[in-house]
Amino acid sequence: MKDFRGREIKVGSLIAYPGRQGSNSWITVARVIKFGTKRESWTDKTIPTLTVQVEKSSDMYIKPKKQSTIYALDRVVVIEEGESK
């Protein structure tokens, strides 16, 4: 799996991704814990997901150390390499 710049996303990689709800937007920095997949029921396609642990966020409601799942991987960028597979 690769970020939008073509860098490999690995378990342990430090990544950044944008978030948005309504007119609010923020950037979250997180560490990749594991890879997964999810089946979209309306298209019957399987999409890749990332489970991450939040390190810091510019959104005051997202707490550090919270686990989260990311579905829009085309917006993820690797900041620091993780362990090799």
C-alpha atoms as a PDB file:
ATOM      1  CA  MET A   1       0.000   0.000   0.000  1.00  0.00           C
ATOM      2  CA  LYS A   2       1.345   3.452  -0.909  1.00  0.00           C
ATOM      3  CA  ASP A   3       0.581   7.059  -0.036  1.00  0.00           C
ATOM      4  CA  PHE A   4      -0.278   9.644  -2.696  1.00  0.00           C
ATOM      5  CA  ARG A   5       3.448  10.433  -3.194  1.00  0.00           C
ATOM      6  CA  GLY A   6       4.245   6.782  -3.876  1.00  0.00           C
ATOM      7  CA  ARG A   7       5.953   6.031  -0.530  1.00  0.00           C
ATOM      8  CA  GLU A   8       5.260   2.630   1.022  1.00  0.00           C
ATOM      9  CA  ILE A   9       2.905   2.619   4.044  1.00  0.00           C
ATOM     10  CA  LYS A  10       4.087   0.026   6.580  1.00  0.00           C
ATOM     11  CA  VAL A  11       3.098  -1.026  10.078  1.00  0.00           C
ATOM     12  CA  GLY A  12       4.760   1.482  12.401  1.00  0.00           C
ATOM     13  CA  SER A  13       4.825   4.301   9.814  1.00  0.00           C
ATOM     14  CA  LEU A  14       3.994   7.772  11.067  1.00  0.00           C
ATOM     15  CA  ILE A  15       1.359   9.281   8.761  1.00  0.00           C
ATOM     16  CA  ALA A  16      -0.649  12.476   8.447  1.00  0.00           C
ATOM     17  CA  TYR A  17      -4.164  12.765   7.051  1.00  0.00           C
ATOM     18  CA  PRO A  18      -6.861  15.441   6.863  1.00  0.00           C
ATOM     19  CA  GLY A  19     -10.216  15.280   8.589  1.00  0.00           C
ATOM     20  CA  ARG A  20     -13.378  17.267   8.043  1.00  0.00           C
ATOM     21  CA  GLN A  21     -16.807  17.533   9.595  1.00  0.00           C
ATOM     22  CA  GLY A  22     -19.110  20.263   8.343  1.00  0.00           C
ATOM     23  CA  SER A  23     -17.066  23.435   7.935  1.00  0.00           C
ATOM     24  CA  ASN A  24     -14.361  22.270  10.383  1.00  0.00           C
ATOM     25  CA  SER A  25     -11.164  20.717   9.066  1.00  0.00           C
ATOM     26  CA  TRP A  26      -8.021  19.454  10.800  1.00  0.00           C
ATOM     27  CA  ILE A  27      -4.819  17.447  10.342  1.00  0.00           C
ATOM     28  CA  THR A  28      -4.142  14.295  12.360  1.00  0.00           C
ATOM     29  CA  VAL A  29      -0.766  12.587  12.851  1.00  0.00           C
ATOM     30  CA  ALA A  30      -0.960   8.880  13.678  1.00  0.00           C
ATOM     31  CA  ARG A  31       1.060   5.646  13.803  1.00  0.00           C
ATOM     32  CA  VAL A  32      -0.096   2.698  11.631  1.00  0.00           C
ATOM     33  CA  ILE A  33      -1.077  -0.336  13.732  1.00  0.00           C
ATOM     34  CA  LYS A  34      -2.476  -2.699  11.090  1.00  0.00           C
ATOM     35  CA  PHE A  35      -3.926  -3.041   7.607  1.00  0.00           C
ATOM     36  CA  GLY A  36      -7.414  -4.297   6.884  1.00  0.00           C
ATOM     37  CA  THR A  37     -10.236  -4.346   4.365  1.00  0.00           C
ATOM     38  CA  LYS A  38     -13.900  -3.419   4.351  1.00  0.00           C
ATOM     39  CA  ARG A  39     -16.599  -4.478   1.905  1.00  0.00           C
ATOM     40  CA  GLU A  40     -18.824  -1.689   0.645  1.00  0.00           C
ATOM     41  CA  SER A  41     -22.345  -3.097   0.602  1.00  0.00           C
ATOM     42  CA  TRP A  42     -23.698  -0.775  -2.105  1.00  0.00           C
ATOM     43  CA  THR A  43     -20.889  -1.471  -4.637  1.00  0.00           C
ATOM     44  CA  ASP A  44     -19.810  -4.925  -3.415  1.00  0.00           C
ATOM     45  CA  LYS A  45     -16.174  -3.779  -3.621  1.00  0.00           C
ATOM     46  CA  THR A  46     -13.506  -4.417  -1.017  1.00  0.00           C
ATOM     47  CA  ILE A  47     -11.556  -1.314   0.002  1.00  0.00           C
ATOM     48  CA  PRO A  48      -8.297  -1.174   2.009  1.00  0.00           C
ATOM     49  CA  THR A  49      -8.284   0.384   5.482  1.00  0.00           C
ATOM     50  CA  LEU A  50      -5.673   1.418   8.031  1.00  0.00           C
ATOM     51  CA  THR A  51      -6.043   1.116  11.790  1.00  0.00           C
ATOM     52  CA  VAL A  52      -3.958   3.821  13.450  1.00  0.00           C
ATOM     53  CA  GLN A  53      -3.186   5.211  16.870  1.00  0.00           C
ATOM     54  CA  VAL A  54      -3.500   8.995  16.993  1.00  0.00           C
ATOM     55  CA  GLU A  55      -0.337  10.798  18.159  1.00  0.00           C
ATOM     56  CA  LYS A  56      -1.619  14.382  17.813  1.00  0.00           C
ATOM     57  CA  SER A  57      -4.379  16.297  16.094  1.00  0.00           C
ATOM     58  CA  SER A  58      -5.229  19.924  15.438  1.00  0.00           C
ATOM     59  CA  ASP A  59      -8.850  19.025  16.332  1.00  0.00           C
ATOM     60  CA  MET A  60      -9.298  19.546  20.074  1.00  0.00           C
ATOM     61  CA  TYR A  61     -11.873  16.708  20.272  1.00  0.00           C
ATOM     62  CA  ILE A  62      -9.574  13.991  18.903  1.00  0.00           C
ATOM     63  CA  LYS A  63      -7.563  12.687  21.837  1.00  0.00           C
ATOM     64  CA  PRO A  64      -4.011  11.314  21.518  1.00  0.00           C
ATOM     65  CA  LYS A  65      -3.688   7.524  21.886  1.00  0.00           C
ATOM     66  CA  LYS A  66      -7.177   7.024  20.414  1.00  0.00           C
ATOM     67  CA  GLN A  67      -7.407   4.244  17.818  1.00  0.00           C
ATOM     68  CA  SER A  68      -9.089   5.115  14.553  1.00  0.00           C
ATOM     69  CA  THR A  69      -9.751   3.476  11.162  1.00  0.00           C
ATOM     70  CA  ILE A  70      -8.997   5.353   7.941  1.00  0.00           C
ATOM     71  CA  TYR A  71     -10.907   4.565   4.741  1.00  0.00           C
ATOM     72  CA  ALA A  72      -9.789   7.409   2.401  1.00  0.00           C
ATOM     73  CA  LEU A  73      -6.204   6.281   1.877  1.00  0.00           C
ATOM     74  CA  ASP A  74      -5.672   8.554  -1.130  1.00  0.00           C
ATOM     75  CA  ARG A  75      -5.266  11.454   1.336  1.00  0.00           C
ATOM     76  CA  VAL A  76      -2.653   9.806   3.584  1.00  0.00           C
ATOM     77  CA  VAL A  77       1.000  10.902   3.507  1.00  0.00           C
ATOM     78  CA  VAL A  78       3.941   9.072   5.161  1.00  0.00           C
ATOM     79  CA  ILE A  79       5.997  11.324   7.457  1.00  0.00           C
ATOM     80  CA  GLU A  80       8.310   8.651   8.901  1.00  0.00           C
ATOM     81  CA  GLU A  81       9.042   5.141   7.647  1.00  0.00           C
ATOM     82  CA  GLY A  82       7.846   2.148   9.661  1.00  0.00           C
ATOM     83  CA  GLU A  83       9.219  -1.381   9.923  1.00  0.00           C
ATOM     84  CA  SER A  84       9.711  -3.282   6.688  1.00  0.00           C
ATOM     85  CA  LYS A  85       7.411  -6.164   5.841  1.00  0.00           C
END
